[in-house]
């Protein structure tokens, strides 16, 4: 009886820790390759190792954390192969879902999506790169209208979460944030107008351009090493 009463509280704490560590990973606060020692995290958060381990295992299932024998958990590294797979899948699913969203969106969805775009662009203007990945994902997901395309939104949310760290990497060179804003504004305008074909084409071009930028970033890094 006692263990059954305690277990839901452990799961709740685990979920809270999962969200917190996930946020730190996608914002870059925990860098790619950084160790995630369970003892240190448990001490920092003032909890036992049980919910910490559950949180790290959940993040491993999400593709944000790796675990190695004798080394434990660490933040998954950024790789060109993973970027290719993420953006290939986004290109296969997202533009069509956004086109459908342009047809399905009601007034409330259009208002909330416009607000998501403004919040993202404000963060970029203020140089808050640590917030850009999360806000970018929220904007892209809003275009899908998750309430009307639930299964598609669930799949895309996973891809957008994995993409967040790569989006931050993509935005680092000068001028990228301004270009991203122009592309977002054009996409949003077509979407707001209910132009499904236009929104689909602009979404596809935007995702592809971001991936091509990432290839250049990885190439430049390879030349320096």
Protein backbone atom coordinates (compact mmCIF):
# COMPACT_ATOMS: atom_id res chain seq x y z
CA UNK A 1 0.00 0.00 0.00
CA UNK A 2 2.83 2.39 0.93
CA UNK A 3 4.81 1.83 -2.28
CA UNK A 4 1.67 2.32 -4.38
CA UNK A 5 1.02 5.66 -2.67
CA UNK A 6 4.59 6.91 -3.18
CA UNK A 7 5.11 5.77 -6.78
CA UNK A 8 2.93 8.45 -8.49
CA UNK A 9 4.90 11.16 -6.62
CA UNK A 10 8.17 9.70 -7.92
CA UNK A 11 6.81 9.72 -11.46
CA UNK A 12 5.70 13.34 -11.03
CA UNK A 13 9.17 14.35 -9.84
CA UNK A 14 10.70 12.37 -12.71
CA UNK A 15 8.53 14.25 -15.21
CA UNK A 16 9.56 17.59 -13.71
CA UNK A 17 13.23 16.65 -13.89
CA UNK A 18 12.82 15.41 -17.45
CA UNK A 19 11.39 18.77 -18.51
CA UNK A 20 14.11 20.70 -16.69
CA UNK A 21 17.06 18.70 -18.03
CA UNK A 22 15.52 18.66 -21.52
CA UNK A 23 15.28 22.46 -21.42
CA UNK A 24 18.91 22.77 -20.38
CA UNK A 25 20.04 20.45 -23.18
CA UNK A 26 18.09 22.11 -25.99
CA UNK A 27 19.06 25.61 -24.78
CA UNK A 28 22.74 24.68 -24.80
CA UNK A 29 23.16 25.08 -21.03
CA UNK A 30 24.29 21.44 -21.08
CA UNK A 31 26.66 21.25 -24.04
CA UNK A 32 26.86 18.33 -26.48
CA UNK A 33 29.02 15.61 -24.96
CA UNK A 34 28.65 16.97 -21.40
CA UNK A 35 28.51 14.38 -18.63
CA UNK A 36 25.27 14.07 -16.67
CA UNK A 37 26.33 12.45 -13.38
CA UNK A 38 23.36 11.14 -11.47
CA UNK A 39 24.82 11.88 -8.04
CA UNK A 40 25.57 15.50 -8.88
CA UNK A 41 22.15 16.08 -10.45
CA UNK A 42 20.38 14.47 -7.49
CA UNK A 43 22.32 16.71 -5.10
CA UNK A 44 21.62 19.83 -7.19
CA UNK A 45 17.89 19.17 -7.37
CA UNK A 46 17.60 17.85 -3.80
CA UNK A 47 16.12 14.49 -4.78
CA UNK A 48 17.14 10.84 -4.77
CA UNK A 49 18.85 9.21 -7.74
CA UNK A 50 15.69 7.29 -8.68
CA UNK A 51 13.78 10.15 -10.39
CA UNK A 52 17.03 11.45 -11.86
CA UNK A 53 17.74 8.11 -13.51
CA UNK A 54 14.15 7.87 -14.76
CA UNK A 55 14.45 11.34 -16.27
CA UNK A 56 17.74 10.53 -17.98
CA UNK A 57 16.34 7.28 -19.37
CA UNK A 58 13.35 9.16 -20.77
CA UNK A 59 15.68 11.70 -22.42
CA UNK A 60 17.70 8.82 -23.82
CA UNK A 61 14.50 7.47 -25.38
CA UNK A 62 13.87 10.92 -26.85
CA UNK A 63 17.32 10.97 -28.47
CA UNK A 64 18.86 13.75 -26.38
CA UNK A 65 21.02 11.65 -24.04
CA UNK A 66 23.40 8.71 -24.50
CA UNK A 67 24.58 6.24 -21.87
CA UNK A 68 27.94 4.48 -21.94
CA UNK A 69 29.44 1.70 -19.86
CA UNK A 70 31.83 3.07 -17.20
CA UNK A 71 31.02 6.67 -18.24
CA UNK A 72 27.33 6.95 -17.51
CA UNK A 73 24.93 9.42 -19.10
CA UNK A 74 25.98 12.32 -21.30
CA UNK A 75 24.35 14.80 -23.66
CA UNK A 76 24.21 13.39 -27.19
CA UNK A 77 26.67 14.97 -29.59
CA UNK A 78 25.56 16.96 -32.64
CA UNK A 79 26.34 15.14 -35.88
CA UNK A 80 25.79 15.78 -39.56
CA UNK A 81 24.22 12.33 -39.96
CA UNK A 82 21.63 13.02 -37.29
CA UNK A 83 20.90 16.48 -38.73
CA UNK A 84 20.36 14.90 -42.14
CA UNK A 85 17.90 12.37 -40.74
CA UNK A 86 15.97 14.94 -38.69
CA UNK A 87 15.61 17.41 -41.54
CA UNK A 88 14.85 14.70 -44.10
CA UNK A 89 11.95 13.55 -41.94
CA UNK A 90 10.79 17.10 -41.36
CA UNK A 91 10.75 17.73 -45.11
CA UNK A 92 8.71 14.57 -45.62
CA UNK A 93 6.05 15.51 -43.05
CA UNK A 94 6.07 19.16 -42.06
CA UNK A 95 5.32 21.13 -45.26
CA UNK A 96 2.19 19.10 -46.00
CA UNK A 97 1.08 19.34 -42.38
CA UNK A 98 1.53 23.12 -42.46
CA UNK A 99 -0.46 23.31 -45.68
CA UNK A 100 -3.24 21.35 -44.01
CA UNK A 101 -2.97 23.60 -40.96
CA UNK A 102 -3.50 26.67 -43.17
CA UNK A 103 -6.82 25.17 -44.25
CA UNK A 104 -7.90 24.03 -40.78
CA UNK A 105 -6.92 27.02 -38.65
CA UNK A 106 -9.66 29.09 -37.08
CA UNK A 107 -9.40 32.61 -35.68
CA UNK A 108 -8.00 31.49 -32.32
CA UNK A 109 -5.32 29.33 -33.97
CA UNK A 110 -4.30 32.22 -36.22
CA UNK A 111 -4.01 34.55 -33.24
CA UNK A 112 -1.93 32.10 -31.19
CA UNK A 113 0.35 31.32 -34.14
CA UNK A 114 0.91 35.01 -34.78
CA UNK A 115 1.79 35.45 -31.10
CA UNK A 116 4.25 32.54 -31.30
CA UNK A 117 5.96 34.18 -34.28
CA UNK A 118 6.25 37.53 -32.49
CA UNK A 119 7.72 35.90 -29.39
CA UNK A 120 10.30 34.05 -31.49
CA UNK A 121 11.31 37.13 -33.45
CA UNK A 122 11.59 39.22 -30.30
CA UNK A 123 13.96 36.64 -28.81
CA UNK A 124 16.08 36.73 -31.97
CA UNK A 125 16.17 40.53 -31.98
CA UNK A 126 17.30 40.54 -28.35
CA UNK A 127 19.99 37.95 -29.05
CA UNK A 128 18.42 35.34 -26.76
CA UNK A 129 19.78 32.38 -28.69
CA UNK A 130 19.21 30.09 -25.70
CA UNK A 131 15.46 30.57 -26.20
CA UNK A 132 15.43 30.52 -29.99
CA UNK A 133 15.30 26.77 -30.51
CA UNK A 134 12.34 26.24 -28.19
CA UNK A 135 10.41 29.21 -29.57
CA UNK A 136 11.18 28.20 -33.14
CA UNK A 137 9.79 24.74 -32.45
CA UNK A 138 6.66 26.23 -30.87
CA UNK A 139 6.06 28.43 -33.91
CA UNK A 140 6.52 25.61 -36.41
CA UNK A 141 4.26 23.32 -34.39
CA UNK A 142 1.56 26.00 -34.15
CA UNK A 143 1.44 26.15 -37.96
CA UNK A 144 0.36 22.50 -37.97
CA UNK A 145 -2.64 23.29 -35.71
CA UNK A 146 -1.99 20.39 -33.32
CA UNK A 147 -5.59 20.25 -32.08
CA UNK A 148 -6.72 19.31 -35.60
CA UNK A 149 -3.77 17.02 -36.51
CA UNK A 150 -2.94 15.30 -33.24
CA UNK A 151 -0.89 12.32 -34.43
CA UNK A 152 1.06 14.37 -36.96
CA UNK A 153 1.76 16.98 -34.29
CA UNK A 154 3.05 14.35 -31.86
CA UNK A 155 5.54 13.03 -34.42
CA UNK A 156 6.62 16.52 -35.45
CA UNK A 157 7.01 17.64 -31.85
CA UNK A 158 9.60 14.90 -31.35
CA UNK A 159 11.46 15.97 -34.50
CA UNK A 160 11.28 19.66 -33.61
CA UNK A 161 12.65 18.96 -30.13
CA UNK A 162 15.59 17.11 -31.66
CA UNK A 163 16.03 19.93 -34.19
CA UNK A 164 16.25 22.68 -31.57
CA UNK A 165 19.96 22.30 -30.88
CA UNK A 166 20.68 22.28 -34.61
CA UNK A 167 18.57 25.41 -35.11
CA UNK A 168 20.68 27.21 -32.49
CA UNK A 169 23.81 26.11 -34.35
CA UNK A 170 22.34 27.30 -37.64
CA UNK A 171 21.55 30.75 -36.20
CA UNK A 172 25.08 31.50 -34.97
CA UNK A 173 26.59 33.08 -38.12
CA UNK A 174 25.85 36.77 -38.70
CA UNK A 175 22.74 37.44 -40.75
CA UNK A 176 21.09 34.07 -40.21
CA UNK A 177 18.57 35.37 -37.67
CA UNK A 178 17.46 38.16 -40.02
CA UNK A 179 17.03 35.74 -42.89
CA UNK A 180 15.10 33.30 -40.67
CA UNK A 181 12.74 36.11 -39.70
CA UNK A 182 12.10 37.03 -43.34
CA UNK A 183 11.37 33.41 -44.19
CA UNK A 184 9.07 33.04 -41.18
CA UNK A 185 7.16 36.21 -42.06
CA UNK A 186 6.60 35.07 -45.66
CA UNK A 187 5.49 31.63 -44.46
CA UNK A 188 3.18 33.11 -41.83
CA UNK A 189 1.60 35.51 -44.33
CA UNK A 190 0.74 32.68 -46.73
CA UNK A 191 -0.54 30.53 -43.88
CA UNK A 192 -2.69 33.33 -42.45
CA UNK A 193 -4.21 33.87 -45.89
CA UNK A 194 -5.16 30.21 -46.10
CA UNK A 195 -2.78 29.71 -49.05
CA UNK A 196 -2.05 26.03 -48.51
CA UNK A 197 0.10 25.58 -51.63
CA UNK A 198 2.12 28.70 -50.91
CA UNK A 199 2.63 27.78 -47.25
CA UNK A 200 3.76 24.28 -48.23
CA UNK A 201 6.29 25.59 -50.75
CA UNK A 202 7.66 28.22 -48.35
CA UNK A 203 7.90 25.73 -45.47
CA UNK A 204 9.78 23.28 -47.65
CA UNK A 205 12.20 25.95 -48.86
CA UNK A 206 12.76 27.22 -45.30
CA UNK A 207 13.51 23.78 -43.84
CA UNK A 208 15.79 22.89 -46.75
CA UNK A 209 17.70 26.19 -46.48
CA UNK A 210 18.25 25.62 -42.76
CA UNK A 211 19.65 22.16 -43.42
CA UNK A 212 21.94 23.46 -46.18
CA UNK A 213 23.26 26.08 -43.74
CA UNK A 214 23.98 23.33 -41.23
CA UNK A 215 25.98 21.41 -43.81
CA UNK A 216 28.17 24.50 -44.23
CA UNK A 217 28.58 24.80 -40.45
CA UNK A 218 29.65 21.15 -40.15
CA UNK A 219 32.01 21.58 -43.11
CA UNK A 220 33.64 24.63 -41.56
CA UNK A 221 34.06 22.78 -38.27
CA UNK A 222 35.67 19.82 -40.05
CA UNK A 223 38.17 22.15 -41.73
CA UNK A 224 39.21 23.62 -38.37
CA UNK A 225 39.80 20.22 -36.75
